[in-house]
């Protein structure tokens, strides 16, 4: 599991754009699959790929470390 806390500079971005920037080796298809399967949550809630991030949000990613 990985946890990311959103800072001021990353607030206001869509979660898919943020994850693409942060984890360049993570394939798009895998990222969208993790979102659909509820393996990526924001503040412990299910989200969609167009979710807008706010400062202080906690992203939890439940995926094997070899994906990153």
C-alpha atoms as a PDB file:
ATOM      1  CA  UNK A   1       0.000   0.000   0.000  1.00  0.00           C
ATOM      2  CA  UNK A   2       1.171   3.505  -0.786  1.00  0.00           C
ATOM      3  CA  UNK A   3      -0.164   6.670   0.769  1.00  0.00           C
ATOM      4  CA  UNK A   4       0.174  10.125  -0.760  1.00  0.00           C
ATOM      5  CA  UNK A   5      -0.935  13.342   0.908  1.00  0.00           C
ATOM      6  CA  UNK A   6      -1.755  16.112  -1.548  1.00  0.00           C
ATOM      7  CA  UNK A   7       0.073  19.381  -1.028  1.00  0.00           C
ATOM      8  CA  UNK A   8      -0.757  22.884  -2.169  1.00  0.00           C
ATOM      9  CA  UNK A   9       1.100  22.524  -5.494  1.00  0.00           C
ATOM     10  CA  UNK A  10      -0.841  19.401  -6.507  1.00  0.00           C
ATOM     11  CA  UNK A  11      -4.312  20.580  -5.467  1.00  0.00           C
ATOM     12  CA  UNK A  12      -6.765  21.270  -8.273  1.00  0.00           C
ATOM     13  CA  UNK A  13      -5.542  18.469 -10.547  1.00  0.00           C
ATOM     14  CA  UNK A  14      -7.476  15.470 -11.751  1.00  0.00           C
ATOM     15  CA  UNK A  15      -6.330  12.292 -10.040  1.00  0.00           C
ATOM     16  CA  UNK A  16      -5.483  10.521 -13.297  1.00  0.00           C
ATOM     17  CA  UNK A  17      -3.237  13.403 -14.404  1.00  0.00           C
ATOM     18  CA  UNK A  18      -1.573  13.537 -10.968  1.00  0.00           C
ATOM     19  CA  UNK A  19      -0.844   9.784 -10.905  1.00  0.00           C
ATOM     20  CA  UNK A  20       0.459   9.873 -14.473  1.00  0.00           C
ATOM     21  CA  UNK A  21       2.899  12.628 -13.495  1.00  0.00           C
ATOM     22  CA  UNK A  22       3.943  11.004 -10.208  1.00  0.00           C
ATOM     23  CA  UNK A  23       4.346   7.410 -11.455  1.00  0.00           C
ATOM     24  CA  UNK A  24       5.616   7.584 -15.017  1.00  0.00           C
ATOM     25  CA  UNK A  25       6.136   3.799 -15.207  1.00  0.00           C
ATOM     26  CA  UNK A  26       2.510   3.008 -14.253  1.00  0.00           C
ATOM     27  CA  UNK A  27       0.596   2.102 -17.434  1.00  0.00           C
ATOM     28  CA  UNK A  28      -2.600   4.058 -18.118  1.00  0.00           C
ATOM     29  CA  UNK A  29      -4.655   0.889 -18.412  1.00  0.00           C
ATOM     30  CA  UNK A  30      -3.448  -0.393 -15.038  1.00  0.00           C
ATOM     31  CA  UNK A  31      -4.162   2.936 -13.349  1.00  0.00           C
ATOM     32  CA  UNK A  32      -7.737   3.038 -14.685  1.00  0.00           C
ATOM     33  CA  UNK A  33      -8.238  -0.609 -13.714  1.00  0.00           C
ATOM     34  CA  UNK A  34      -7.078   0.118 -10.152  1.00  0.00           C
ATOM     35  CA  UNK A  35      -9.527   3.027  -9.941  1.00  0.00           C
ATOM     36  CA  UNK A  36     -12.412   0.882 -11.238  1.00  0.00           C
ATOM     37  CA  UNK A  37     -11.598  -1.962  -8.816  1.00  0.00           C
ATOM     38  CA  UNK A  38     -11.517   0.458  -5.832  1.00  0.00           C
ATOM     39  CA  UNK A  39      -7.779  -0.109  -5.330  1.00  0.00           C
ATOM     40  CA  UNK A  40      -7.155   3.651  -5.466  1.00  0.00           C
ATOM     41  CA  UNK A  41      -9.163   5.711  -2.996  1.00  0.00           C
ATOM     42  CA  UNK A  42      -9.164   9.341  -1.861  1.00  0.00           C
ATOM     43  CA  UNK A  43      -9.927   9.901   1.807  1.00  0.00           C
ATOM     44  CA  UNK A  44     -10.991   6.225   1.971  1.00  0.00           C
ATOM     45  CA  UNK A  45     -13.769   6.780  -0.589  1.00  0.00           C
ATOM     46  CA  UNK A  46     -14.195   5.394  -4.076  1.00  0.00           C
ATOM     47  CA  UNK A  47     -13.490   7.912  -6.795  1.00  0.00           C
ATOM     48  CA  UNK A  48     -13.636   8.245 -10.579  1.00  0.00           C
ATOM     49  CA  UNK A  49     -10.748   9.145 -12.851  1.00  0.00           C
ATOM     50  CA  UNK A  50     -11.995  12.737 -13.186  1.00  0.00           C
ATOM     51  CA  UNK A  51     -11.924  13.369  -9.406  1.00  0.00           C
ATOM     52  CA  UNK A  52     -10.376  16.761  -8.576  1.00  0.00           C
ATOM     53  CA  UNK A  53      -7.802  16.709  -5.787  1.00  0.00           C
ATOM     54  CA  UNK A  54      -7.808  19.158  -2.881  1.00  0.00           C
ATOM     55  CA  UNK A  55      -5.029  20.101  -0.509  1.00  0.00           C
ATOM     56  CA  UNK A  56      -4.792  17.570   2.330  1.00  0.00           C
ATOM     57  CA  UNK A  57      -6.463  14.709   0.432  1.00  0.00           C
ATOM     58  CA  UNK A  58      -5.049  11.258   1.220  1.00  0.00           C
ATOM     59  CA  UNK A  59      -4.633   8.936  -1.741  1.00  0.00           C
ATOM     60  CA  UNK A  60      -4.331   5.251  -0.878  1.00  0.00           C
ATOM     61  CA  UNK A  61      -3.061   2.880  -3.564  1.00  0.00           C
ATOM     62  CA  UNK A  62      -3.467  -0.832  -2.896  1.00  0.00           C
ATOM     63  CA  UNK A  63      -1.178  -2.365  -5.513  1.00  0.00           C
ATOM     64  CA  UNK A  64       1.998  -4.453  -5.560  1.00  0.00           C
ATOM     65  CA  UNK A  65       5.213  -2.424  -5.308  1.00  0.00           C
ATOM     66  CA  UNK A  66       6.561  -3.891  -8.556  1.00  0.00           C
ATOM     67  CA  UNK A  67       4.042  -1.748 -10.500  1.00  0.00           C
ATOM     68  CA  UNK A  68       5.871   1.364  -9.405  1.00  0.00           C
END
